[in-house]
Amino acid sequence: MRPRALALLALSTQVAASCGGDRAASPGGTAIIAAFAEPDILLPPLGRTLAAKVVTDALFERLAEIGPALNTVGDAGFEPRLAQRWEWSGDSLHVTFHLDPRARWHDGRPVRATDVRFAFSVYTDTVVNATGGGDLRVALDSVSAGDSLTCIAWFRGRTPEQFYTLVSNLVPLPEHLLGRTPHDSLRSAAFGRAPVGNGAFRFVRWDAGSRLEIAVADAFHRGRAKLDRVIWTIAPEMSTATQRLLAGEADFLEALTPGAASQAAKNPQLRVVPYGSFDYAFVRLNLHDGASARPHRLFGDRALRRALTMALDRKAMVRSVYDTLARVGLGPFVRAQWTSDTTLAQLPFDRAAAMHALDSLGWRAGPDGMRARNGRPLEFTLLRPSSSKSREVLAVQIQEQLRQAGVKVNIEALDFSAFIARATKRDFDAVMDGRHPDPSPGGIRQSWSSAGIGGSGPNYGGYASAAFDAEVDSAVRSLDAHAAKAHYRSAYQTIVDDAPAIWLVEPLAVAGASARLTTGPLRADAWWSGLATWTVAAGRR
């Protein structure tokens, strides 16, 4: 890392050069965001990381956006975006969207209904394996274009969240730029590194591993964003990103550790901004031998997975790493979701019972206390991203606590891109993983059901349970909220009992912001959702 003064001077010079002579007249100035992870790709259907979603949500606009209440049932509270309005058929099996005629792609071409139809064809093509594509295939039959500004979405059946499923997953794409690209070549297309969107900001540049910049789209149909531009400075790890905020080299960091939050609170140039969280972290176990269908030599055994969970004092780990800024994870959901259930029966911390279970499975301790069966040691490798200090500490604690139970854990740290590559290829025994789910609990179908297995689907561990899948499918289709919640509860209890993951932590979100930056409220599921309304104080731009 360069000396702070030199780094700040260099960054300031870059900002001044990129803003040019109109900087003094700009309404909102430039906001610098410290990032500890880099997007994988900037083509919305293919983005797998939260870092990619943060940027693409600023570059691309959906038909409608969920409201502040985060309601996912029906369309109550949803706000117009590309669509000025919409109306339902009498049987609720299709909805007609009327696009804003002022909407433009950043190359000047108008946004048309055919762009929505084209995007649907991309998202639902199994060759693409798009994020959210499985949910769209289940919920919708087709999307048609009535005329240039009218598109119609046709549903397969009525469900409580059919509108949310559509507008949250389907991001319209420019057919005139991507229509001739074979779907199986989209990942390698130049568009993914230099996209043309239709949102409040346009893409400027992306220097891999260093910097990503977007600028205001002056002709944006819903009005000019208040910021001139946004720059992400990409750090190799969380500690470096945190230091950039504390040193005044960045204006915003989405997540502060307890120690960093304490430092920021004492700095008059910084503000600590608590907000709701939709994150949960866990150890994902690979239930298969790599990407094959063969059971993993260890984690294919449900009883062994349960024993490992019981050998870990998760409450003590969370307290030692996060202090009061986190709670122990309960399962593949967060407490902010309406289906959350804190009464689920959890696997308790009971190391004696865990060791007894390992004995009964034939994993016997040797003279050194470490276990083996038929000459093979009870040993596995745990991957972790090098960018996360909290996951580093948690991994070490897992290693030590399992050692006390006679289990050897080897930790392998990887930079974020390599970590994601290994996970998506299912080239691991176990990974320190995390999820940022949508407000809808239905997203669990892609992350944890059989539908998310294969290709680069997000169910990297290959968990498959007919009982779990059936309960989730029933929950998603139920038109009665109480019945849906009961089905979700059964699904949650099934997966907690099966232990395809060790549910570790649900952090409470605390951001750090420069005193010169005004963000407004940060939405629990998407802190970046109001980015276009952020401003920098007039005298400090």
Protein backbone atom coordinates (compact mmCIF):
# COMPACT_ATOMS: atom_id res chain seq x y z
CA MET A 1 0.00 0.00 0.00
CA ARG A 2 1.38 3.43 -0.96
CA PRO A 3 1.82 6.15 1.69
CA ARG A 4 -1.59 7.62 2.52
CA ALA A 5 -0.76 11.15 1.44
CA LEU A 6 0.55 9.95 -1.93
CA ALA A 7 -2.47 7.70 -2.45
CA LEU A 8 -4.88 10.51 -1.63
CA LEU A 9 -3.03 12.95 -3.91
CA ALA A 10 -3.06 10.46 -6.79
CA LEU A 11 -6.75 9.72 -6.37
CA SER A 12 -7.62 13.41 -6.11
CA THR A 13 -5.69 14.07 -9.31
CA GLN A 14 -7.57 11.29 -11.10
CA VAL A 15 -10.91 12.62 -9.91
CA ALA A 16 -10.10 16.18 -10.98
CA ALA A 17 -8.95 15.00 -14.39
CA SER A 18 -12.01 12.86 -14.95
CA CYS A 19 -14.44 15.57 -13.82
CA GLY A 20 -12.84 18.25 -15.96
CA GLY A 21 -13.70 21.91 -15.86
CA ASP A 22 -17.39 21.41 -14.99
CA ARG A 23 -16.56 20.11 -11.52
CA ALA A 24 -17.40 23.34 -9.69
CA ALA A 25 -20.84 23.47 -11.31
CA SER A 26 -21.76 19.87 -10.54
CA PRO A 27 -24.82 19.35 -8.32
CA GLY A 28 -23.43 16.60 -6.15
CA GLY A 29 -19.71 16.10 -6.66
CA THR A 30 -17.92 12.74 -6.47
CA ALA A 31 -18.38 10.01 -3.88
CA ILE A 32 -15.56 7.53 -3.28
CA ILE A 33 -16.61 4.12 -1.97
CA ALA A 34 -14.10 1.77 -0.40
CA ALA A 35 -14.71 -1.77 -1.65
CA PHE A 36 -13.17 -5.02 -0.47
CA ALA A 37 -14.49 -7.16 -3.33
CA GLU A 38 -14.53 -6.69 -7.09
CA PRO A 39 -17.45 -7.44 -9.44
CA ASP A 40 -17.12 -10.65 -11.39
CA ILE A 41 -18.95 -9.25 -14.45
CA LEU A 42 -21.20 -6.26 -15.21
CA LEU A 43 -23.78 -8.07 -17.31
CA PRO A 44 -26.76 -8.46 -14.92
CA PRO A 45 -27.87 -12.01 -15.82
CA LEU A 46 -24.37 -13.35 -15.23
CA GLY A 47 -23.34 -11.45 -12.11
CA ARG A 48 -22.86 -13.82 -9.16
CA THR A 49 -21.45 -11.44 -6.56
CA LEU A 50 -22.91 -8.70 -4.42
CA ALA A 51 -20.21 -6.37 -5.71
CA ALA A 52 -21.53 -6.85 -9.25
CA LYS A 53 -25.12 -6.20 -8.19
CA VAL A 54 -24.20 -2.96 -6.44
CA VAL A 55 -22.72 -1.54 -9.65
CA THR A 56 -25.21 -2.94 -12.16
CA ASP A 57 -28.15 -1.68 -10.11
CA ALA A 58 -26.77 1.83 -10.65
CA LEU A 59 -26.26 1.26 -14.40
CA PHE A 60 -29.47 -0.61 -15.26
CA GLU A 61 -33.09 0.05 -14.36
CA ARG A 62 -35.84 -2.50 -13.82
CA LEU A 63 -39.50 -2.19 -14.78
CA ALA A 64 -40.45 -1.46 -11.15
CA GLU A 65 -38.74 -1.38 -7.77
CA ILE A 66 -39.80 -2.72 -4.41
CA GLY A 67 -40.93 -0.04 -1.97
CA PRO A 68 -39.46 0.93 1.42
CA ALA A 69 -41.72 -1.56 3.23
CA LEU A 70 -40.05 -4.40 1.28
CA ASN A 71 -43.41 -6.00 0.56
CA THR A 72 -43.06 -8.93 -1.83
CA VAL A 73 -46.72 -10.03 -2.00
CA GLY A 74 -48.76 -8.60 -4.86
CA ASP A 75 -47.64 -5.23 -6.24
CA ALA A 76 -48.54 -3.03 -3.28
CA GLY A 77 -45.85 -0.44 -2.64
CA PHE A 78 -43.87 -1.15 -5.80
CA GLU A 79 -42.61 2.02 -7.49
CA PRO A 80 -42.49 2.74 -11.25
CA ARG A 81 -39.08 2.71 -12.91
CA LEU A 82 -38.80 1.92 -16.64
CA ALA A 83 -42.52 1.30 -16.61
CA GLN A 84 -44.64 4.39 -15.95
CA ARG A 85 -47.60 2.20 -15.02
CA TRP A 86 -48.97 -1.33 -15.33
CA GLU A 87 -52.33 -3.07 -15.23
CA TRP A 88 -53.43 -6.62 -14.52
CA SER A 89 -55.70 -8.94 -16.41
CA GLY A 90 -58.88 -9.99 -14.63
CA ASP A 91 -57.48 -13.45 -13.88
CA SER A 92 -54.08 -12.06 -12.75
CA LEU A 93 -52.31 -14.28 -15.29
CA HIS A 94 -50.75 -11.44 -17.24
CA VAL A 95 -49.63 -7.90 -16.50
CA THR A 96 -49.14 -5.15 -19.07
CA PHE A 97 -46.32 -2.62 -18.59
CA HIS A 98 -46.28 0.78 -20.29
CA LEU A 99 -42.70 1.97 -20.68
CA ASP A 100 -41.62 5.56 -20.18
CA PRO A 101 -41.10 6.96 -23.71
CA ARG A 102 -38.23 9.12 -22.41
CA ALA A 103 -36.13 6.12 -21.31
CA ARG A 104 -32.86 5.78 -23.22
CA TRP A 105 -29.89 3.47 -23.29
CA HIS A 106 -26.68 5.30 -22.57
CA ASP A 107 -25.75 5.21 -26.26
CA GLY A 108 -28.89 7.25 -27.00
CA ARG A 109 -31.12 4.50 -28.35
CA PRO A 110 -34.66 4.40 -26.86
CA VAL A 111 -35.58 1.57 -24.51
CA ARG A 112 -38.22 -0.58 -26.19
CA ALA A 113 -40.56 -3.40 -25.25
CA THR A 114 -38.47 -5.70 -27.42
CA ASP A 115 -35.54 -5.10 -25.01
CA VAL A 116 -37.67 -6.53 -22.21
CA ARG A 117 -38.67 -9.49 -24.35
CA PHE A 118 -35.05 -10.07 -25.37
CA ALA A 119 -33.89 -9.97 -21.75
CA PHE A 120 -36.47 -12.61 -20.84
CA SER A 121 -35.08 -14.88 -23.56
CA VAL A 122 -31.58 -14.47 -22.09
CA TYR A 123 -32.56 -15.00 -18.47
CA THR A 124 -34.60 -18.11 -19.15
CA ASP A 125 -32.13 -19.81 -21.48
CA THR A 126 -30.63 -22.69 -19.51
CA VAL A 127 -27.41 -22.27 -21.52
CA VAL A 128 -26.94 -18.87 -19.86
CA ASN A 129 -27.74 -20.18 -16.38
CA ALA A 130 -28.67 -16.65 -15.35
CA THR A 131 -28.99 -15.46 -11.79
CA GLY A 132 -32.74 -15.56 -11.15
CA GLY A 133 -33.37 -17.39 -14.41
CA GLY A 134 -34.74 -20.46 -12.69
CA ASP A 135 -37.31 -18.42 -10.78
CA LEU A 136 -38.40 -16.70 -13.99
CA ARG A 137 -38.76 -20.01 -15.82
CA VAL A 138 -40.97 -21.36 -13.05
CA ALA A 139 -43.13 -18.24 -12.73
CA LEU A 140 -43.52 -17.02 -16.31
CA ASP A 141 -44.48 -18.54 -19.62
CA SER A 142 -43.37 -15.68 -21.85
CA VAL A 143 -42.98 -11.94 -22.40
CA SER A 144 -44.47 -10.34 -25.51
CA ALA A 145 -44.32 -6.87 -27.05
CA GLY A 146 -47.67 -5.26 -27.82
CA ASP A 147 -46.02 -2.22 -29.40
CA SER A 148 -42.73 -0.38 -28.95
CA LEU A 149 -43.68 0.87 -25.47
CA THR A 150 -45.93 -1.94 -24.26
CA CYS A 151 -44.77 -5.33 -23.01
CA ILE A 152 -46.88 -8.08 -21.52
CA ALA A 153 -45.69 -10.69 -19.04
CA TRP A 154 -47.62 -13.97 -19.09
CA PHE A 155 -47.56 -16.04 -15.91
CA ARG A 156 -47.86 -19.81 -15.64
CA GLY A 157 -50.12 -19.49 -12.62
CA ARG A 158 -51.10 -17.23 -9.76
CA THR A 159 -48.68 -16.95 -6.82
CA PRO A 160 -48.38 -14.35 -4.06
CA GLU A 161 -44.97 -13.14 -5.28
CA GLN A 162 -45.36 -13.39 -9.05
CA PHE A 163 -44.94 -9.65 -9.57
CA TYR A 164 -41.88 -9.49 -7.32
CA THR A 165 -40.35 -12.51 -9.05
CA LEU A 166 -40.71 -10.78 -12.40
CA VAL A 167 -39.50 -7.26 -11.65
CA SER A 168 -36.73 -8.17 -9.22
CA ASN A 169 -35.10 -10.78 -11.45
CA LEU A 170 -35.62 -9.44 -14.97
CA VAL A 171 -33.30 -6.57 -15.94
CA PRO A 172 -34.07 -5.29 -19.47
CA LEU A 173 -31.08 -5.55 -21.82
CA PRO A 174 -30.18 -3.64 -25.04
CA GLU A 175 -31.14 -5.99 -27.85
CA HIS A 176 -29.43 -3.77 -30.42
CA LEU A 177 -26.07 -4.42 -28.70
CA LEU A 178 -26.45 -8.02 -27.51
CA GLY A 179 -29.07 -9.52 -29.83
CA ARG A 180 -26.53 -10.99 -32.23
CA THR A 181 -24.30 -12.46 -29.54
CA PRO A 182 -24.91 -16.21 -29.04
CA HIS A 183 -26.19 -16.81 -25.56
CA ASP A 184 -23.35 -19.18 -24.79
CA SER A 185 -20.88 -16.39 -25.66
CA LEU A 186 -22.35 -13.67 -23.45
CA ARG A 187 -19.91 -14.30 -20.62
CA SER A 188 -16.92 -13.54 -22.84
CA ALA A 189 -18.53 -10.56 -24.59
CA ALA A 190 -16.88 -7.16 -24.12
CA PHE A 191 -20.19 -5.82 -22.81
CA GLY A 192 -19.56 -7.52 -19.47
CA ARG A 193 -16.53 -5.33 -18.87
CA ALA A 194 -17.92 -2.12 -20.41
CA PRO A 195 -21.73 -2.23 -20.24
CA VAL A 196 -24.24 0.17 -21.77
CA GLY A 197 -27.12 0.58 -19.35
CA ASN A 198 -30.22 2.72 -19.00
CA GLY A 199 -29.99 3.80 -15.36
CA ALA A 200 -29.17 6.95 -13.43
CA PHE A 201 -25.44 6.39 -13.98
CA ARG A 202 -23.39 5.36 -17.01
CA PHE A 203 -20.25 3.24 -17.09
CA VAL A 204 -16.91 5.07 -17.36
CA ARG A 205 -14.00 2.73 -16.64
CA TRP A 206 -12.94 -0.38 -14.78
CA ASP A 207 -9.30 -0.92 -13.86
CA ALA A 208 -9.25 -4.50 -12.63
CA GLY A 209 -8.26 -4.85 -9.01
CA SER A 210 -7.98 -1.12 -8.51
CA ARG A 211 -10.81 1.18 -9.48
CA LEU A 212 -14.29 1.24 -11.01
CA GLU A 213 -15.96 4.49 -12.03
CA ILE A 214 -19.48 5.47 -13.11
CA ALA A 215 -20.79 8.94 -13.98
CA VAL A 216 -24.17 10.61 -14.00
CA ALA A 217 -26.40 9.99 -17.01
CA ASP A 218 -27.51 13.55 -17.75
CA ALA A 219 -30.45 12.48 -19.92
CA PHE A 220 -31.85 9.97 -17.43
CA HIS A 221 -35.63 9.89 -17.87
CA ARG A 222 -36.48 10.18 -14.17
CA GLY A 223 -34.19 13.13 -13.56
CA ARG A 224 -30.48 13.68 -13.09
CA ALA A 225 -28.78 11.93 -10.14
CA LYS A 226 -27.46 14.28 -7.48
CA LEU A 227 -23.93 12.89 -7.62
CA ASP A 228 -21.68 13.62 -10.56
CA ARG A 229 -19.89 10.34 -10.29
CA VAL A 230 -19.10 7.42 -8.05
CA ILE A 231 -15.70 5.75 -7.77
CA TRP A 232 -15.08 2.41 -6.09
CA THR A 233 -11.51 1.98 -4.89
CA ILE A 234 -10.99 -1.78 -4.79
CA ALA A 235 -8.88 -3.11 -1.94
CA PRO A 236 -7.40 -6.60 -1.70
CA GLU A 237 -8.91 -7.13 1.74
CA MET A 238 -11.37 -5.68 4.22
CA SER A 239 -8.70 -4.16 6.48
CA THR A 240 -7.29 -2.09 3.62
CA ALA A 241 -10.74 -0.82 2.64
CA THR A 242 -11.41 0.10 6.27
CA GLN A 243 -8.12 1.98 6.52
CA ARG A 244 -9.00 4.01 3.44
CA LEU A 245 -12.19 5.19 5.11
CA LEU A 246 -10.49 5.96 8.43
CA ALA A 247 -7.68 7.82 6.66
CA GLY A 248 -10.08 10.03 4.72
CA GLU A 249 -9.24 8.44 1.38
CA ALA A 250 -12.82 7.20 0.88
CA ASP A 251 -16.29 8.50 1.71
CA PHE A 252 -18.18 5.31 2.41
CA LEU A 253 -17.70 1.72 3.52
CA GLU A 254 -20.72 -0.56 3.74
CA ALA A 255 -19.57 -2.65 6.71
CA LEU A 256 -17.48 -1.76 9.75
CA THR A 257 -16.08 -4.22 12.26
CA PRO A 258 -16.77 -3.39 15.92
CA GLY A 259 -13.23 -2.05 16.29
CA ALA A 260 -13.48 0.11 13.18
CA ALA A 261 -16.90 1.38 14.22
CA SER A 262 -15.42 2.47 17.55
CA GLN A 263 -12.61 4.33 15.78
CA ALA A 264 -15.00 5.97 13.33
CA ALA A 265 -17.29 7.14 16.13
CA LYS A 266 -14.39 9.11 17.66
CA ASN A 267 -13.47 10.78 14.35
CA PRO A 268 -15.32 14.09 13.73
CA GLN A 269 -14.82 13.62 10.00
CA LEU A 270 -16.78 10.35 9.98
CA ARG A 271 -20.26 9.09 10.83
CA VAL A 272 -21.32 5.62 11.91
CA VAL A 273 -24.55 4.62 10.14
CA PRO A 274 -26.40 1.53 11.48
CA TYR A 275 -28.94 -0.06 9.14
CA GLY A 276 -30.82 -3.32 8.72
CA SER A 277 -29.04 -6.35 7.33
CA PHE A 278 -29.90 -9.09 4.87
CA ASP A 279 -26.57 -10.91 5.16
CA TYR A 280 -25.80 -14.28 6.67
CA ALA A 281 -22.57 -16.27 6.67
CA PHE A 282 -21.95 -19.99 6.95
CA VAL A 283 -19.59 -22.84 6.17
CA ARG A 284 -20.86 -24.52 3.03
CA LEU A 285 -20.03 -28.22 2.88
CA ASN A 286 -19.61 -29.94 -0.46
CA LEU A 287 -21.85 -33.00 -0.30
CA HIS A 288 -20.27 -34.39 -3.45
CA ASP A 289 -16.83 -35.35 -4.70
CA GLY A 290 -16.00 -32.11 -6.49
CA ALA A 291 -18.55 -31.48 -9.24
CA SER A 292 -19.36 -35.16 -9.65
CA ALA A 293 -22.46 -36.99 -8.47
CA ARG A 294 -20.41 -39.18 -6.13
CA PRO A 295 -20.87 -38.50 -2.40
CA HIS A 296 -18.09 -36.60 -0.67
CA ARG A 297 -15.88 -38.94 1.35
CA LEU A 298 -16.84 -37.03 4.52
CA PHE A 299 -19.72 -34.67 3.94
CA GLY A 300 -21.88 -37.14 2.09
CA ASP A 301 -22.60 -38.50 5.57
CA ARG A 302 -25.46 -36.57 7.23
CA ALA A 303 -24.54 -37.84 10.71
CA LEU A 304 -20.97 -36.58 10.34
CA ARG A 305 -22.16 -33.14 9.22
CA ARG A 306 -24.42 -32.91 12.27
CA ALA A 307 -21.60 -33.96 14.58
CA LEU A 308 -19.28 -31.25 13.21
CA THR A 309 -21.95 -28.61 13.80
CA MET A 310 -22.44 -29.77 17.39
CA ALA A 311 -18.69 -29.60 18.02
CA LEU A 312 -18.65 -25.83 17.41
CA ASP A 313 -19.51 -23.17 19.98
CA ARG A 314 -20.98 -20.79 17.41
CA LYS A 315 -22.28 -18.35 20.01
CA ALA A 316 -18.81 -17.85 21.49
CA MET A 317 -17.28 -17.44 18.03
CA VAL A 318 -19.78 -14.79 16.98
CA ARG A 319 -19.36 -12.90 20.24
CA SER A 320 -15.55 -12.92 20.00
CA VAL A 321 -15.48 -11.67 16.41
CA TYR A 322 -18.46 -9.30 16.24
CA ASP A 323 -19.06 -8.37 19.89
CA THR A 324 -22.70 -7.18 19.92
CA LEU A 325 -22.89 -6.47 16.17
CA ALA A 326 -24.09 -9.93 15.10
CA ARG A 327 -26.27 -12.86 16.04
CA VAL A 328 -25.79 -16.59 15.51
CA GLY A 329 -27.23 -17.74 12.20
CA LEU A 330 -30.38 -19.82 12.35
CA GLY A 331 -30.49 -21.21 8.81
CA PRO A 332 -30.66 -20.06 5.17
CA PHE A 333 -32.61 -16.89 5.96
CA VAL A 334 -32.30 -13.65 7.91
CA ARG A 335 -34.45 -12.45 10.74
CA ALA A 336 -35.68 -9.48 8.69
CA GLN A 337 -37.57 -11.77 6.29
CA TRP A 338 -41.24 -12.30 7.04
CA THR A 339 -40.77 -16.07 7.10
CA SER A 340 -38.05 -15.93 9.75
CA ASP A 341 -38.61 -18.42 12.56
CA THR A 342 -36.53 -18.18 15.72
CA THR A 343 -38.25 -21.26 17.24
CA LEU A 344 -36.59 -23.77 14.90
CA ALA A 345 -34.87 -26.64 16.68
CA GLN A 346 -31.15 -26.01 16.33
CA LEU A 347 -28.27 -28.45 16.60
CA PRO A 348 -26.85 -27.49 20.02
CA PHE A 349 -23.24 -26.96 20.97
CA ASP A 350 -22.38 -30.23 22.72
CA ARG A 351 -18.81 -31.31 22.11
CA ALA A 352 -19.15 -34.46 24.21
CA ALA A 353 -22.17 -35.59 22.20
CA ALA A 354 -20.37 -34.69 18.97
CA MET A 355 -17.35 -36.79 19.94
CA HIS A 356 -19.60 -39.69 20.90
CA ALA A 357 -21.27 -39.47 17.49
CA LEU A 358 -17.90 -39.50 15.75
CA ASP A 359 -16.90 -42.56 17.76
CA SER A 360 -20.10 -44.33 16.71
CA LEU A 361 -19.36 -43.53 13.07
CA GLY A 362 -15.99 -45.27 13.37
CA TRP A 363 -13.85 -42.15 13.56
CA ARG A 364 -11.59 -43.10 16.46
CA ALA A 365 -9.03 -40.86 18.15
CA GLY A 366 -5.39 -41.90 18.00
CA PRO A 367 -2.61 -41.22 20.51
CA ASP A 368 -2.36 -37.62 19.27
CA GLY A 369 -6.10 -37.08 19.73
CA MET A 370 -6.78 -36.84 16.00
CA ARG A 371 -9.36 -39.15 14.46
CA ALA A 372 -9.12 -41.66 11.65
CA ARG A 373 -11.18 -44.49 10.19
CA ASN A 374 -9.73 -47.44 8.30
CA GLY A 375 -6.41 -45.62 8.15
CA ARG A 376 -7.86 -42.42 6.67
CA PRO A 377 -7.64 -39.26 8.80
CA LEU A 378 -10.70 -37.14 9.56
CA GLU A 379 -9.33 -34.15 7.67
CA PHE A 380 -10.61 -31.56 5.19
CA THR A 381 -9.66 -28.21 3.66
CA LEU A 382 -11.63 -25.04 4.38
CA LEU A 383 -11.43 -22.30 1.75
CA ARG A 384 -11.78 -18.67 2.81
CA PRO A 385 -11.55 -15.35 0.96
CA SER A 386 -8.44 -13.41 1.88
CA SER A 387 -10.43 -10.15 1.66
CA SER A 388 -12.45 -10.79 4.84
CA LYS A 389 -10.80 -10.42 8.25
CA SER A 390 -13.89 -11.68 10.09
CA ARG A 391 -13.99 -14.88 8.04
CA GLU A 392 -10.27 -15.32 8.60
CA VAL A 393 -10.75 -15.22 12.37
CA LEU A 394 -13.82 -17.46 12.23
CA ALA A 395 -11.94 -19.99 10.11
CA VAL A 396 -9.12 -20.16 12.66
CA GLN A 397 -11.60 -20.63 15.49
CA ILE A 398 -13.36 -23.42 13.57
CA GLN A 399 -9.99 -25.04 13.00
CA GLU A 400 -9.13 -24.94 16.70
CA GLN A 401 -12.52 -26.04 18.01
CA LEU A 402 -12.69 -28.98 15.61
CA ARG A 403 -9.11 -29.91 16.53
CA GLN A 404 -10.35 -30.32 20.09
CA ALA A 405 -12.84 -32.86 18.75
CA GLY A 406 -10.10 -34.70 16.83
CA VAL A 407 -10.82 -33.23 13.39
CA LYS A 408 -8.03 -31.69 11.32
CA VAL A 409 -8.94 -28.61 9.29
CA ASN A 410 -6.54 -27.11 6.75
CA ILE A 411 -7.28 -23.48 5.88
CA GLU A 412 -6.61 -22.21 2.35
CA ALA A 413 -6.89 -18.45 1.75
CA LEU A 414 -7.62 -17.23 -1.78
CA ASP A 415 -8.12 -13.84 -3.37
CA PHE A 416 -11.77 -13.18 -4.07
CA SER A 417 -11.79 -14.00 -7.78
CA ALA A 418 -9.99 -17.30 -7.20
CA PHE A 419 -12.29 -18.06 -4.28
CA ILE A 420 -15.41 -17.54 -6.43
CA ALA A 421 -13.92 -19.60 -9.25
CA ARG A 422 -13.24 -22.56 -6.95
CA ALA A 423 -16.71 -22.31 -5.41
CA THR A 424 -18.58 -22.19 -8.72
CA LYS A 425 -16.57 -25.15 -10.02
CA ARG A 426 -17.41 -27.02 -6.78
CA ASP A 427 -13.68 -27.56 -6.35
CA PHE A 428 -13.66 -27.61 -2.55
CA ASP A 429 -14.37 -29.59 0.60
CA ALA A 430 -15.80 -26.64 2.54
CA VAL A 431 -15.92 -22.88 2.02
CA MET A 432 -16.50 -19.85 4.24
CA ASP A 433 -19.52 -18.61 2.33
CA GLY A 434 -22.20 -15.96 2.67
CA ARG A 435 -25.45 -14.84 1.11
CA HIS A 436 -27.31 -11.57 0.71
CA PRO A 437 -30.83 -12.85 0.00
CA ASP A 438 -33.63 -10.88 -1.60
CA PRO A 439 -36.53 -9.74 0.57
CA SER A 440 -38.50 -12.63 -0.88
CA PRO A 441 -37.93 -15.93 0.92
CA GLY A 442 -38.55 -17.65 -2.42
CA GLY A 443 -34.92 -17.00 -3.38
CA ILE A 444 -34.01 -19.99 -1.24
CA ARG A 445 -35.08 -22.18 -4.16
CA GLN A 446 -32.05 -21.16 -6.21
CA SER A 447 -29.56 -21.02 -3.34
CA TRP A 448 -30.41 -24.30 -1.62
CA SER A 449 -32.84 -26.47 -3.62
CA SER A 450 -32.08 -28.91 -6.41
CA ALA A 451 -32.88 -26.16 -8.93
CA GLY A 452 -29.64 -24.37 -8.01
CA ILE A 453 -27.35 -27.34 -8.64
CA GLY A 454 -25.28 -27.58 -11.81
CA GLY A 455 -23.39 -25.20 -14.01
CA SER A 456 -22.57 -22.12 -11.98
CA GLY A 457 -25.79 -22.34 -9.98
CA PRO A 458 -25.49 -20.94 -6.44
CA ASN A 459 -26.16 -24.28 -4.69
CA TYR A 460 -22.45 -25.06 -4.90
CA GLY A 461 -22.55 -27.70 -2.19
CA GLY A 462 -25.08 -29.78 -4.09
CA TYR A 463 -27.62 -30.09 -1.28
CA ALA A 464 -30.64 -32.00 -2.59
CA SER A 465 -33.64 -33.01 -0.54
CA ALA A 466 -36.98 -34.00 -2.00
CA ALA A 467 -38.69 -33.01 1.26
CA PHE A 468 -37.04 -29.58 1.28
CA ASP A 469 -37.82 -28.97 -2.41
CA ALA A 470 -41.47 -29.96 -1.96
CA GLU A 471 -41.98 -27.65 1.01
CA VAL A 472 -40.35 -24.71 -0.77
CA ASP A 473 -42.39 -25.30 -3.92
CA SER A 474 -45.58 -25.43 -1.86
CA ALA A 475 -44.62 -22.25 -0.03
CA VAL A 476 -43.87 -20.36 -3.23
CA ARG A 477 -47.19 -21.38 -4.79
CA SER A 478 -49.40 -20.86 -1.76
CA LEU A 479 -51.82 -17.93 -1.97
CA ASP A 480 -52.33 -17.97 1.79
CA ALA A 481 -49.59 -16.24 3.80
CA HIS A 482 -50.09 -18.39 6.89
CA ALA A 483 -49.90 -21.60 4.87
CA ALA A 484 -46.83 -20.32 3.02
CA LYS A 485 -45.06 -19.55 6.27
CA ALA A 486 -45.84 -23.02 7.59
CA HIS A 487 -44.30 -24.58 4.46
CA TYR A 488 -41.21 -22.39 4.77
CA ARG A 489 -40.85 -23.39 8.40
CA SER A 490 -40.91 -27.07 7.44
CA ALA A 491 -38.32 -26.42 4.73
CA TYR A 492 -36.07 -24.53 7.16
CA GLN A 493 -36.30 -27.27 9.77
CA THR A 494 -35.47 -29.90 7.16
CA ILE A 495 -32.31 -28.15 6.01
CA VAL A 496 -31.19 -27.30 9.55
CA ASP A 497 -31.59 -30.98 10.48
CA ASP A 498 -29.71 -32.14 7.37
CA ALA A 499 -26.80 -29.74 8.09
CA PRO A 500 -25.48 -29.16 4.54
CA ALA A 501 -23.91 -26.05 6.05
CA ILE A 502 -22.83 -24.79 9.45
CA TRP A 503 -24.89 -21.66 10.03
CA LEU A 504 -22.50 -19.20 11.63
CA VAL A 505 -23.56 -15.59 11.81
CA GLU A 506 -26.09 -12.95 10.86
CA PRO A 507 -24.19 -9.64 11.11
CA LEU A 508 -25.86 -6.38 12.02
CA ALA A 509 -24.93 -3.82 9.38
CA VAL A 510 -22.97 -0.71 10.39
CA ALA A 511 -21.64 1.52 7.63
CA GLY A 512 -19.06 4.27 7.84
CA ALA A 513 -19.52 7.54 5.97
CA SER A 514 -17.56 10.74 5.58
CA ALA A 515 -19.10 13.79 7.22
CA ARG A 516 -19.06 15.45 3.79
CA LEU A 517 -21.38 12.77 2.37
CA THR A 518 -25.17 12.65 2.83
CA THR A 519 -26.69 9.26 2.02
CA GLY A 520 -30.18 9.33 3.49
CA PRO A 521 -31.62 6.09 4.92
CA LEU A 522 -29.87 2.88 3.83
CA ARG A 523 -32.28 0.13 2.79
CA ALA A 524 -31.78 -3.11 4.68
CA ASP A 525 -31.63 -5.34 1.61
CA ALA A 526 -29.74 -2.90 -0.63
CA TRP A 527 -27.80 -0.04 0.96
CA TRP A 528 -26.98 1.25 -2.52
CA SER A 529 -30.60 1.60 -3.67
CA GLY A 530 -30.66 5.37 -3.05
CA LEU A 531 -27.25 6.07 -4.59
CA ALA A 532 -28.71 8.55 -7.08
CA THR A 533 -29.93 10.72 -4.18
CA TRP A 534 -26.60 10.87 -2.33
CA THR A 535 -24.85 14.25 -2.20
CA VAL A 536 -21.51 15.71 -1.17
CA ALA A 537 -21.55 18.96 0.81
CA ALA A 538 -21.29 21.93 -1.54
CA GLY A 539 -18.10 23.30 -0.03
CA ARG A 540 -16.34 19.91 0.14
CA ARG A 541 -16.62 18.46 -3.35
